[in-house]
C-alpha cells in the first residue's frame, strides 16, 4: 500500500504537535502515551518494522505493540490523529 504524499501544512502541524508534546505541563497516563507513540511512529515512519522486542524488555515491547497496532493506517491520518490528540491534552 502506498501512502499519498504528506502536505507541507500537515507536516508543519505534525512537527508543531511533536514540539508541543515535549512541553506539556501534565504528563499523560501510560495508556495515552502508548497511543501517542503508536500514532507518532505510524505518522513519521509508516507501518512497524523490525522484530518485536523480547518478553523481558517490557517498555520496548509495549511501544512496538502500540506502533504495530496502527498497521495499515495511512501516514496522513495517523499524523492528523496525533495532532488532534496532542491538542486535546491539558497543558
Protein backbone atom coordinates (compact mmCIF):
# COMPACT_ATOMS: atom_id res chain seq x y z
CA UNK A 1 0.00 0.00 0.00
CA UNK A 2 1.38 3.39 -0.96
CA UNK A 3 0.54 6.41 1.12
CA UNK A 4 -0.35 9.62 -0.61
CA UNK A 5 2.16 12.45 -0.22
CA UNK A 6 2.09 14.43 3.03
CA UNK A 7 1.22 18.08 2.54
CA UNK A 8 3.62 20.72 3.83
CA UNK A 9 0.85 22.12 6.04
CA UNK A 10 0.15 18.74 7.64
CA UNK A 11 3.88 18.12 8.17
CA UNK A 12 4.25 21.54 9.79
CA UNK A 13 1.26 20.94 12.08
CA UNK A 14 2.62 17.48 12.98
CA UNK A 15 6.05 18.91 13.78
CA UNK A 16 4.41 21.61 15.93
CA UNK A 17 2.38 18.98 17.79
CA UNK A 18 5.53 16.93 18.42
CA UNK A 19 7.26 20.03 19.81
CA UNK A 20 4.20 20.84 21.93
CA UNK A 21 4.13 17.28 23.32
CA UNK A 22 7.54 17.92 24.87
CA UNK A 23 6.28 20.97 26.76
CA UNK A 24 3.09 19.56 28.30
CA UNK A 25 2.81 20.54 31.96
CA UNK A 26 0.77 17.45 32.84
CA UNK A 27 2.16 14.03 31.94
CA UNK A 28 -0.48 11.87 30.23
CA UNK A 29 -1.17 8.40 31.64
CA UNK A 30 0.80 5.46 30.25
CA UNK A 31 -2.02 4.23 28.00
CA UNK A 32 -2.32 7.65 26.39
CA UNK A 33 1.45 7.85 25.98
CA UNK A 34 1.47 4.48 24.21
CA UNK A 35 -1.36 5.58 21.91
CA UNK A 36 0.50 8.78 21.09
CA UNK A 37 3.72 6.85 20.48
CA UNK A 38 1.95 4.49 18.07
CA UNK A 39 0.42 7.40 16.18
CA UNK A 40 3.73 9.26 16.12
CA UNK A 41 5.65 6.28 14.72
CA UNK A 42 2.94 5.47 12.18
CA UNK A 43 2.79 9.10 11.10
CA UNK A 44 6.54 9.53 10.86
CA UNK A 45 7.69 6.12 9.63
CA UNK A 46 4.67 4.14 8.41
CA UNK A 47 3.98 0.52 9.37
CA UNK A 48 6.03 -1.10 12.13
CA UNK A 49 9.27 -2.72 11.03
CA UNK A 50 11.84 -4.94 12.64
CA UNK A 51 11.34 -7.72 15.11
CA UNK A 52 9.09 -7.44 18.13
CA UNK A 53 11.24 -6.94 21.25
CA UNK A 54 11.56 -9.85 23.66
CA UNK A 55 9.37 -10.54 26.68
CA UNK A 56 11.92 -9.13 29.13
CA UNK A 57 12.04 -5.68 27.50
CA UNK A 58 8.59 -4.58 28.66
CA UNK A 59 8.83 -0.93 27.63
CA UNK A 60 10.21 -1.53 24.13
CA UNK A 61 7.70 -4.33 23.58
CA UNK A 62 4.74 -2.16 24.65
CA UNK A 63 5.92 0.67 22.40
CA UNK A 64 6.42 -1.66 19.43
CA UNK A 65 2.97 -3.19 20.00
CA UNK A 66 1.38 0.29 20.12
CA UNK A 67 3.03 1.08 16.79
CA UNK A 68 2.17 -2.28 15.20
CA UNK A 69 -1.49 -1.82 16.23
CA UNK A 70 -1.65 1.07 13.72
CA UNK A 71 -0.57 -1.10 10.78
CA UNK A 72 -2.30 -0.04 7.59
CA UNK A 73 -3.33 3.37 8.90
CA UNK A 74 -2.32 5.97 6.29
CA UNK A 75 0.50 8.20 7.50
CA UNK A 76 -1.53 11.37 6.92
CA UNK A 77 -4.41 10.03 9.01
CA UNK A 78 -2.02 8.98 11.80
CA UNK A 79 -0.43 12.44 11.74
CA UNK A 80 -3.79 14.21 11.95
CA UNK A 81 -4.99 11.96 14.77
CA UNK A 82 -1.73 12.60 16.66
CA UNK A 83 -2.20 16.37 16.20
CA UNK A 84 -5.80 16.19 17.42
CA UNK A 85 -4.89 14.12 20.48
CA UNK A 86 -1.94 16.33 21.47
CA UNK A 87 -4.04 19.47 21.07
CA UNK A 88 -6.74 17.89 23.22
CA UNK A 89 -4.42 17.30 26.17
CA UNK A 90 -4.21 19.74 29.08
CA UNK A 91 -1.08 21.88 29.33
